[in-house]
N, C-alpha and C. Protein backbone atom coordinates (compact mmCIF):
# COMPACT_ATOMS: atom_id res chain seq x y z
N MET A 1 0.85 -1.19 0.00
CA MET A 1 0.00 0.00 0.00
C MET A 1 0.89 1.24 0.00
N PRO A 2 0.60 2.22 -0.86
CA PRO A 2 1.41 3.43 -0.92
C PRO A 2 1.30 4.25 0.37
N ASP A 3 2.37 4.96 0.69
CA ASP A 3 2.39 5.83 1.86
C ASP A 3 1.35 6.93 1.65
N PRO A 4 0.41 7.11 2.59
CA PRO A 4 -0.64 8.12 2.41
C PRO A 4 -0.12 9.55 2.33
N ARG A 5 1.12 9.77 2.76
CA ARG A 5 1.69 11.12 2.70
C ARG A 5 2.17 11.48 1.30
N ALA A 6 2.29 10.49 0.41
CA ALA A 6 2.84 10.72 -0.92
C ALA A 6 1.98 11.69 -1.73
N ARG A 7 0.67 11.55 -1.66
CA ARG A 7 -0.18 12.46 -2.45
C ARG A 7 -0.03 13.89 -1.95
N LEU A 8 0.00 14.07 -0.65
CA LEU A 8 0.18 15.41 -0.09
C LEU A 8 1.50 16.01 -0.56
N LEU A 9 2.55 15.21 -0.52
CA LEU A 9 3.87 15.65 -0.98
C LEU A 9 3.82 15.99 -2.47
N ALA A 10 3.17 15.16 -3.27
CA ALA A 10 3.07 15.40 -4.72
C ALA A 10 2.29 16.68 -5.01
N GLU A 11 1.20 16.90 -4.29
CA GLU A 11 0.40 18.10 -4.51
C GLU A 11 1.20 19.36 -4.19
N HIS A 12 1.93 19.33 -3.08
CA HIS A 12 2.73 20.50 -2.70
C HIS A 12 3.89 20.72 -3.67
N ARG A 13 4.50 19.64 -4.13
CA ARG A 13 5.59 19.76 -5.12
C ARG A 13 5.06 20.37 -6.41
N GLN A 14 3.89 19.95 -6.82
CA GLN A 14 3.29 20.49 -8.04
C GLN A 14 2.98 21.98 -7.87
N ARG A 15 2.49 22.36 -6.70
CA ARG A 15 2.21 23.78 -6.44
C ARG A 15 3.49 24.60 -6.44
N ILE A 16 4.54 24.09 -5.78
CA ILE A 16 5.82 24.79 -5.71
C ILE A 16 6.41 24.98 -7.11
N ALA A 17 6.24 23.99 -7.97
CA ALA A 17 6.77 24.08 -9.33
C ALA A 17 6.15 25.24 -10.10
N HIS A 18 4.98 25.71 -9.68
CA HIS A 18 4.30 26.80 -10.38
C HIS A 18 4.37 28.12 -9.61
N ASP A 19 5.14 28.18 -8.52
CA ASP A 19 5.29 29.44 -7.78
C ASP A 19 5.79 30.53 -8.72
N GLY A 20 5.19 31.68 -8.64
CA GLY A 20 5.62 32.82 -9.44
C GLY A 20 5.13 32.80 -10.88
N THR A 21 4.39 31.77 -11.27
CA THR A 21 3.91 31.70 -12.65
C THR A 21 2.41 31.91 -12.75
N GLY A 22 1.81 32.35 -11.68
CA GLY A 22 0.36 32.51 -11.67
C GLY A 22 -0.28 31.45 -10.81
N ILE A 23 -1.50 31.13 -11.09
CA ILE A 23 -2.25 30.15 -10.30
C ILE A 23 -1.92 28.75 -10.82
N PRO A 24 -1.40 27.88 -9.95
CA PRO A 24 -1.08 26.52 -10.40
C PRO A 24 -2.35 25.73 -10.68
N PRO A 25 -2.28 24.78 -11.62
CA PRO A 25 -3.46 23.95 -11.87
C PRO A 25 -3.81 23.13 -10.64
N ARG A 26 -5.10 22.95 -10.40
CA ARG A 26 -5.53 22.12 -9.27
C ARG A 26 -5.16 20.68 -9.54
N TRP A 27 -4.87 19.93 -8.47
CA TRP A 27 -4.49 18.53 -8.58
C TRP A 27 -5.52 17.74 -9.39
N ASP A 28 -6.79 17.98 -9.10
CA ASP A 28 -7.85 17.24 -9.79
C ASP A 28 -7.93 17.56 -11.28
N ASN A 29 -7.33 18.68 -11.69
CA ASN A 29 -7.34 19.04 -13.11
C ASN A 29 -6.15 18.47 -13.88
N LEU A 30 -5.21 17.85 -13.18
CA LEU A 30 -4.07 17.22 -13.86
C LEU A 30 -4.53 15.92 -14.51
N SER A 31 -3.86 15.54 -15.57
CA SER A 31 -4.20 14.27 -16.22
C SER A 31 -3.78 13.11 -15.32
N ASP A 32 -4.35 11.95 -15.56
CA ASP A 32 -3.97 10.75 -14.80
C ASP A 32 -2.48 10.49 -14.93
N GLN A 33 -1.94 10.69 -16.13
CA GLN A 33 -0.51 10.47 -16.36
C GLN A 33 0.33 11.43 -15.53
N GLU A 34 -0.05 12.72 -15.48
CA GLU A 34 0.68 13.70 -14.68
C GLU A 34 0.62 13.34 -13.19
N GLN A 35 -0.56 12.95 -12.73
CA GLN A 35 -0.71 12.57 -11.33
C GLN A 35 0.15 11.35 -11.00
N ARG A 36 0.14 10.33 -11.87
CA ARG A 36 0.96 9.13 -11.63
C ARG A 36 2.44 9.47 -11.59
N LEU A 37 2.89 10.33 -12.50
CA LEU A 37 4.30 10.73 -12.52
C LEU A 37 4.69 11.44 -11.23
N LEU A 38 3.87 12.41 -10.82
CA LEU A 38 4.16 13.15 -9.59
C LEU A 38 4.09 12.24 -8.36
N LEU A 39 3.10 11.35 -8.32
CA LEU A 39 2.98 10.43 -7.19
C LEU A 39 4.17 9.47 -7.13
N GLY A 40 4.61 8.98 -8.28
CA GLY A 40 5.77 8.09 -8.31
C GLY A 40 7.01 8.76 -7.77
N GLU A 41 7.24 10.00 -8.20
CA GLU A 41 8.39 10.75 -7.69
C GLU A 41 8.26 11.01 -6.20
N ALA A 42 7.06 11.38 -5.76
CA ALA A 42 6.84 11.66 -4.34
C ALA A 42 7.08 10.41 -3.50
N GLU A 43 6.61 9.27 -3.97
CA GLU A 43 6.82 8.02 -3.23
C GLU A 43 8.31 7.70 -3.10
N GLU A 44 9.08 7.95 -4.17
CA GLU A 44 10.52 7.69 -4.11
C GLU A 44 11.21 8.64 -3.13
N TRP A 45 10.86 9.93 -3.19
CA TRP A 45 11.48 10.90 -2.28
C TRP A 45 11.07 10.61 -0.83
N LEU A 46 9.83 10.23 -0.62
CA LEU A 46 9.37 9.92 0.73
C LEU A 46 10.09 8.70 1.27
N ARG A 47 10.25 7.68 0.43
CA ARG A 47 10.99 6.48 0.85
C ARG A 47 12.43 6.86 1.21
N ALA A 48 13.05 7.72 0.39
CA ALA A 48 14.42 8.16 0.68
C ALA A 48 14.49 8.90 2.01
N ALA A 49 13.49 9.74 2.27
CA ALA A 49 13.47 10.49 3.53
C ALA A 49 13.31 9.56 4.73
N VAL A 50 12.49 8.52 4.59
CA VAL A 50 12.31 7.54 5.67
C VAL A 50 13.62 6.79 5.90
N GLU A 51 14.24 6.32 4.81
CA GLU A 51 15.48 5.55 4.95
C GLU A 51 16.62 6.39 5.49
N ALA A 52 16.61 7.70 5.21
CA ALA A 52 17.64 8.60 5.72
C ALA A 52 17.36 9.04 7.15
N GLY A 53 16.21 8.67 7.69
CA GLY A 53 15.87 9.05 9.05
C GLY A 53 15.33 10.47 9.18
N LEU A 54 14.93 11.07 8.07
CA LEU A 54 14.41 12.44 8.10
C LEU A 54 12.94 12.51 8.45
N THR A 55 12.24 11.42 8.24
CA THR A 55 10.82 11.34 8.57
C THR A 55 10.52 9.91 9.01
N PRO A 56 9.54 9.73 9.87
CA PRO A 56 9.25 8.38 10.35
C PRO A 56 8.44 7.56 9.34
N LEU A 57 8.41 6.27 9.58
CA LEU A 57 7.51 5.40 8.82
C LEU A 57 6.08 5.88 9.02
N ALA A 58 5.23 5.67 8.05
CA ALA A 58 3.82 6.05 8.19
C ALA A 58 3.09 5.10 9.12
N ASP A 59 3.50 3.84 9.13
CA ASP A 59 2.84 2.83 9.95
C ASP A 59 3.62 2.56 11.22
N ARG A 60 2.91 2.21 12.27
CA ARG A 60 3.51 1.88 13.56
C ARG A 60 4.40 0.64 13.39
N PRO A 61 5.71 0.74 13.77
CA PRO A 61 6.60 -0.40 13.61
C PRO A 61 6.16 -1.64 14.40
N THR A 62 5.75 -1.43 15.66
CA THR A 62 5.26 -2.53 16.49
C THR A 62 4.16 -1.99 17.39
N ASP A 63 3.43 -2.88 18.05
CA ASP A 63 2.38 -2.44 18.98
C ASP A 63 2.96 -1.71 20.18
N LYS A 64 4.24 -1.87 20.44
CA LYS A 64 4.88 -1.21 21.58
C LYS A 64 5.30 0.22 21.27
N HIS A 65 5.28 0.62 20.00
CA HIS A 65 5.66 1.98 19.62
C HIS A 65 4.47 2.92 19.78
N MET A 66 4.72 4.09 20.35
CA MET A 66 3.72 5.14 20.49
C MET A 66 4.14 6.31 19.60
N ALA A 67 3.19 6.90 18.92
CA ALA A 67 3.48 8.01 18.01
C ALA A 67 3.79 9.29 18.80
N VAL A 68 4.64 10.13 18.21
CA VAL A 68 4.96 11.45 18.74
C VAL A 68 4.58 12.44 17.64
N TYR A 69 3.86 13.50 18.03
CA TYR A 69 3.39 14.49 17.07
C TYR A 69 3.90 15.87 17.46
N VAL A 70 4.08 16.73 16.47
CA VAL A 70 4.35 18.14 16.70
C VAL A 70 3.21 18.90 16.04
N ASP A 71 2.61 19.86 16.79
CA ASP A 71 1.49 20.61 16.21
C ASP A 71 2.00 21.84 15.47
N ASP A 72 1.08 22.62 14.92
CA ASP A 72 1.47 23.77 14.11
C ASP A 72 2.10 24.90 14.92
N GLU A 73 2.06 24.81 16.25
CA GLU A 73 2.72 25.79 17.10
C GLU A 73 4.03 25.26 17.66
N GLY A 74 4.38 24.02 17.33
CA GLY A 74 5.64 23.45 17.79
C GLY A 74 5.55 22.66 19.08
N PHE A 75 4.35 22.46 19.61
CA PHE A 75 4.20 21.68 20.84
C PHE A 75 4.23 20.19 20.51
N LEU A 76 4.85 19.42 21.38
CA LEU A 76 4.99 17.98 21.19
C LEU A 76 3.92 17.23 21.96
N TYR A 77 3.43 16.14 21.36
CA TYR A 77 2.43 15.28 21.99
C TYR A 77 2.83 13.83 21.76
N GLY A 78 2.53 13.00 22.74
CA GLY A 78 2.74 11.57 22.59
C GLY A 78 1.43 10.84 22.75
N GLU A 79 1.28 9.73 22.03
CA GLU A 79 0.09 8.91 22.22
C GLU A 79 0.06 8.44 23.67
N TYR A 80 -1.12 8.42 24.24
CA TYR A 80 -1.29 8.00 25.62
C TYR A 80 -2.14 6.74 25.64
N PRO A 81 -1.51 5.58 25.94
CA PRO A 81 -2.27 4.33 25.90
C PRO A 81 -3.34 4.28 26.98
N THR A 82 -4.53 3.87 26.60
CA THR A 82 -5.65 3.75 27.53
C THR A 82 -6.34 2.41 27.32
N VAL A 83 -7.09 1.99 28.33
CA VAL A 83 -7.91 0.78 28.22
C VAL A 83 -9.34 1.20 28.55
N PRO A 84 -10.26 1.07 27.63
CA PRO A 84 -10.09 0.60 26.26
C PRO A 84 -9.31 1.63 25.43
N PRO A 85 -8.79 1.23 24.27
CA PRO A 85 -8.00 2.14 23.43
C PRO A 85 -8.80 3.39 23.05
N SER A 86 -8.10 4.51 22.98
CA SER A 86 -8.71 5.79 22.59
C SER A 86 -7.70 6.56 21.75
N ASP A 87 -8.09 7.76 21.35
CA ASP A 87 -7.18 8.60 20.58
C ASP A 87 -6.48 9.63 21.48
N SER A 88 -6.32 9.33 22.77
CA SER A 88 -5.75 10.27 23.73
C SER A 88 -4.29 10.60 23.42
N LEU A 89 -3.99 11.90 23.55
CA LEU A 89 -2.61 12.39 23.42
C LEU A 89 -2.22 13.07 24.71
N LEU A 90 -0.95 13.00 25.04
CA LEU A 90 -0.41 13.66 26.23
C LEU A 90 0.59 14.70 25.75
N ARG A 91 0.37 15.97 26.14
CA ARG A 91 1.31 17.01 25.74
C ARG A 91 2.61 16.79 26.50
N LEU A 92 3.71 16.80 25.75
CA LEU A 92 5.02 16.60 26.35
C LEU A 92 5.58 17.96 26.75
N VAL A 93 6.11 18.05 27.95
CA VAL A 93 6.63 19.32 28.46
C VAL A 93 8.11 19.18 28.75
N TRP A 94 8.79 20.31 28.75
CA TRP A 94 10.23 20.33 29.03
C TRP A 94 10.46 20.12 30.52
N ALA A 95 11.41 19.28 30.85
CA ALA A 95 11.79 19.03 32.25
C ALA A 95 13.26 19.37 32.39
N SER A 96 13.54 20.59 32.89
CA SER A 96 14.93 21.06 32.92
C SER A 96 15.83 20.20 33.80
N GLU A 97 15.27 19.56 34.82
CA GLU A 97 16.10 18.73 35.68
C GLU A 97 16.57 17.46 34.97
N MET A 98 16.03 17.22 33.77
CA MET A 98 16.41 16.03 33.02
C MET A 98 17.22 16.39 31.78
N ALA A 99 17.74 17.62 31.71
CA ALA A 99 18.49 18.05 30.54
C ALA A 99 19.79 17.26 30.39
N VAL A 100 20.13 16.97 29.15
CA VAL A 100 21.38 16.26 28.84
C VAL A 100 22.12 17.03 27.75
N SER A 101 23.40 16.79 27.64
CA SER A 101 24.21 17.43 26.61
C SER A 101 23.97 16.75 25.26
N LYS A 102 23.55 17.53 24.28
CA LYS A 102 23.33 16.97 22.95
C LYS A 102 24.64 16.45 22.37
N GLN A 103 25.70 17.23 22.53
CA GLN A 103 27.00 16.83 21.98
C GLN A 103 27.50 15.54 22.62
N GLU A 104 27.39 15.43 23.94
CA GLU A 104 27.83 14.21 24.62
C GLU A 104 26.97 13.01 24.21
N SER A 105 25.68 13.23 24.08
CA SER A 105 24.79 12.15 23.66
C SER A 105 25.15 11.66 22.26
N GLU A 106 25.42 12.61 21.36
CA GLU A 106 25.81 12.23 19.99
C GLU A 106 27.14 11.48 20.00
N TYR A 107 28.05 11.89 20.86
CA TYR A 107 29.33 11.20 20.98
C TYR A 107 29.12 9.75 21.43
N GLU A 108 28.10 9.53 22.25
CA GLU A 108 27.79 8.18 22.74
C GLU A 108 26.97 7.38 21.73
N GLY A 109 26.69 7.95 20.56
CA GLY A 109 26.00 7.22 19.51
C GLY A 109 24.53 7.55 19.32
N VAL A 110 24.00 8.47 20.10
CA VAL A 110 22.59 8.85 19.95
C VAL A 110 22.45 9.69 18.68
N GLU A 111 21.42 9.40 17.88
CA GLU A 111 21.13 10.19 16.68
C GLU A 111 19.84 10.97 16.90
N PHE A 112 19.92 12.28 16.78
CA PHE A 112 18.75 13.15 16.94
C PHE A 112 18.22 13.53 15.57
N ARG A 113 16.90 13.69 15.46
CA ARG A 113 16.25 14.14 14.23
C ARG A 113 15.39 15.35 14.56
N LEU A 114 15.57 16.41 13.81
CA LEU A 114 14.74 17.60 13.97
C LEU A 114 13.35 17.30 13.44
N ILE A 115 12.33 17.45 14.28
CA ILE A 115 10.95 17.17 13.84
C ILE A 115 10.09 18.42 13.82
N GLY A 116 10.58 19.54 14.30
CA GLY A 116 9.79 20.76 14.31
C GLY A 116 10.40 21.78 15.25
N TRP A 117 9.72 22.90 15.40
CA TRP A 117 10.19 24.00 16.24
C TRP A 117 9.12 24.34 17.26
N SER A 118 9.53 24.65 18.48
CA SER A 118 8.61 25.02 19.55
C SER A 118 8.76 26.49 19.86
N GLN A 119 7.68 27.11 20.29
CA GLN A 119 7.72 28.53 20.65
C GLN A 119 7.99 28.69 22.13
């Protein structure tokens, strides 16, 4: 099954390609061939981004993994497991008493990925 983010990526890439040239054609007005071409490229770039660690897999790797989200204001949220299951999220907050050195952590082999910006 194709990554559901590929169409969004393809639509934005198509819009960016027409920046400064007027109003870009709507996605629905593109031919099937144009859509397939853009989707194919988007799927390849998305796969490359996942393999490079720039973006996570679209699907949960295991039942033990919980998703982490960043909202449009830069706040972080983690899935909060409940019984019965729900769509609960827990806002993650900074805990200064738990601060660690990024440089020392990287020296010890930790790899960090930028996922967004917080205000």
